[in-house]
Protein backbone atom coordinates (compact mmCIF):
# COMPACT_ATOMS: atom_id res chain seq x y z
CA MET A 1 0.00 0.00 0.00
CA ASN A 2 1.53 3.30 -1.05
CA GLY A 3 1.44 6.49 1.02
CA ARG A 4 -1.33 8.10 -1.00
CA CYS A 5 -3.55 5.03 -0.65
CA LEU A 6 -2.89 4.93 3.10
CA LEU A 7 -3.91 8.59 3.40
CA ARG A 8 -7.25 7.85 1.68
CA TYR A 9 -7.93 5.10 4.21
CA LEU A 10 -6.93 7.30 7.13
CA TRP A 11 -9.02 10.23 5.82
CA ALA A 12 -12.16 8.04 5.80
CA ALA A 13 -11.25 6.07 8.96
CA PRO A 14 -13.49 8.03 11.37
CA VAL A 15 -16.47 6.62 9.43
CA THR A 16 -14.91 3.31 8.37
CA ILE A 17 -13.98 2.14 11.88
CA PRO A 18 -17.48 2.34 13.41
CA ALA A 19 -18.97 0.88 10.21
CA ALA A 20 -16.51 -2.03 10.29
CA THR A 21 -17.49 -2.64 13.91
CA LEU A 22 -21.15 -2.68 12.85
CA ALA A 23 -20.33 -5.14 10.04
CA LEU A 24 -18.53 -7.43 12.49
CA LEU A 25 -21.52 -7.30 14.86
CA ALA A 26 -23.83 -8.04 11.92
CA HIS A 27 -21.70 -11.10 11.20
CA LEU A 28 -22.90 -12.46 14.55
CA THR A 29 -26.47 -12.34 13.15
CA GLY A 30 -25.51 -14.28 10.05
CA SER A 31 -24.26 -11.54 7.75
CA ALA A 32 -21.59 -12.59 5.28
CA LEU A 33 -18.34 -10.62 5.28
CA MET A 34 -15.89 -10.23 2.43
CA LEU A 35 -12.91 -7.98 1.83
CA ARG A 36 -12.98 -7.04 -1.85
CA ALA A 37 -10.63 -4.53 -3.49
CA GLY A 38 -9.90 -2.89 -0.14
CA VAL A 39 -13.57 -2.53 0.86
CA LEU A 40 -15.24 -4.56 3.60
CA GLU A 41 -18.59 -5.84 2.33
CA ALA A 42 -21.31 -7.21 4.60
CA SER A 43 -24.66 -8.56 3.46
CA GLY A 44 -27.56 -10.66 4.63
CA GLY A 45 -28.33 -11.76 8.16
CA GLY A 46 -29.61 -9.03 10.45
CA LEU A 47 -28.52 -6.31 8.04
CA GLY A 48 -31.53 -6.99 5.83
CA TRP A 49 -33.93 -6.31 8.69
CA VAL A 50 -32.07 -3.14 9.76
CA LEU A 51 -31.64 -1.64 6.28
CA ARG A 52 -35.31 -2.21 5.44
CA ARG A 53 -36.39 -0.23 8.53
CA ILE A 54 -33.70 2.31 9.44
CA TYR A 55 -35.01 5.02 7.08
CA PRO A 56 -38.84 4.74 7.02
CA PRO A 57 -39.45 6.66 3.77
CA MET A 58 -37.54 3.98 1.84
CA SER A 59 -35.80 0.65 2.15
CA ILE A 60 -32.02 0.87 1.79
CA ALA A 61 -30.68 -1.92 -0.43
CA ALA A 62 -27.03 -0.95 0.22
CA ILE A 63 -25.14 1.84 1.94
CA THR A 64 -21.51 2.88 1.98
CA LEU A 65 -19.84 4.10 5.16
CA GLY A 66 -16.21 4.88 4.48
CA HIS A 67 -14.56 1.71 3.19
CA VAL A 68 -17.49 -0.47 4.31
CA VAL A 69 -20.54 -1.41 2.25
CA LEU A 70 -23.58 -2.86 4.03
CA ALA A 71 -26.29 -4.54 1.96
CA GLN A 72 -29.60 -6.24 2.66
CA THR A 73 -28.75 -9.29 0.57
CA PRO A 74 -25.80 -10.66 -1.41
CA GLY A 75 -27.82 -9.88 -4.55
CA ASP A 76 -28.21 -6.24 -3.52
CA LEU A 77 -24.47 -6.10 -2.91
CA GLU A 78 -23.69 -7.53 -6.33
CA THR A 79 -26.16 -5.25 -8.14
CA SER A 80 -24.98 -2.08 -6.41
CA ARG A 81 -21.25 -2.82 -6.08
CA ASP A 82 -20.02 -0.40 -8.79
CA HIS A 83 -22.41 2.33 -7.58
CA GLU A 84 -21.26 1.90 -3.99
CA ARG A 85 -17.62 2.07 -5.10
CA VAL A 86 -18.34 5.59 -6.38
CA HIS A 87 -19.44 6.44 -2.82
CA VAL A 88 -16.21 4.89 -1.49
CA ARG A 89 -14.28 7.28 -3.77
CA GLN A 90 -16.44 10.15 -2.49
CA TYR A 91 -15.43 9.19 1.07
CA GLU A 92 -11.80 9.12 -0.03
CA ARG A 93 -12.22 12.63 -1.43
CA TRP A 94 -14.22 14.17 1.45
CA GLY A 95 -13.25 11.94 4.39
CA ALA A 96 -15.24 12.22 7.61
CA LEU A 97 -16.88 15.37 6.23
CA PHE A 98 -18.77 13.30 3.66
CA PRO A 99 -21.79 12.29 5.81
CA ALA A 100 -22.50 15.93 6.67
CA LEU A 101 -21.96 17.02 3.06
CA TYR A 102 -24.27 14.25 1.86
CA LEU A 103 -27.01 15.37 4.26
CA LEU A 104 -26.52 19.01 3.24
CA ALA A 105 -26.78 18.04 -0.43
CA GLY A 106 -30.05 16.26 0.32
CA LEU A 107 -31.32 19.31 2.20
CA ALA A 108 -30.30 21.57 -0.71
CA ALA A 109 -32.24 19.33 -3.09
CA LEU A 110 -35.27 19.49 -0.81
CA VAL A 111 -35.08 23.30 -0.60
CA ARG A 112 -35.03 23.39 -4.43
CA GLY A 113 -38.21 21.31 -4.42
CA ALA A 114 -36.36 18.20 -5.58
CA HIS A 115 -36.06 14.75 -4.01
CA PRO A 116 -33.48 14.67 -1.16
CA TYR A 117 -32.15 11.26 -2.22
CA HIS A 118 -32.66 10.96 -5.98
CA ASP A 119 -31.53 14.54 -6.63
CA ASN A 120 -28.70 14.57 -4.07
CA ARG A 121 -25.59 15.63 -6.02
CA PHE A 122 -23.60 12.69 -4.63
CA GLU A 123 -26.26 10.18 -5.74
CA VAL A 124 -26.50 11.88 -9.13
CA GLU A 125 -22.72 11.50 -9.55
CA ALA A 126 -22.85 7.84 -8.50
CA ARG A 127 -25.73 7.08 -10.90
CA LEU A 128 -23.92 8.80 -13.76
CA LEU A 129 -20.68 6.88 -13.17
CA ALA A 130 -22.24 3.55 -12.19
CA PRO A 131 -26.00 3.22 -12.66
CA ILE A 132 -27.76 0.50 -10.71
CA PRO A 133 -29.56 -1.67 -13.29
CA ASP A 134 -32.98 -1.54 -11.57
CA GLN A 135 -32.72 2.25 -11.19
CA ALA A 136 -31.17 3.14 -14.57
């Protein structure tokens, strides 16, 4: 791992570390874990139940938190992998500031009368670079 790569991991670490802890806890409920291209992926088990209910307006198929991707099912993980990797790169760019920036972008979309998720600039970028087949 070169110095620049290490800095990207360190920059996102304040979000990655708690997310990795969550993924390890989810493993106790039957979630599968895999390290793929430097990203910890967790899917299935108790994560499905949590991601379906954590945000009542919509079910979350997959979510990226630093260098961790959590998904309801292995199929959701496979389908959204490229899209979620765009979010990993966004975390590498913005670090621990990214969650706040993401929420502010959703609020800005809402203020414009747009959808806070679908019109969030970070989601728009991810869909442009890596559309999810069911959402394309």
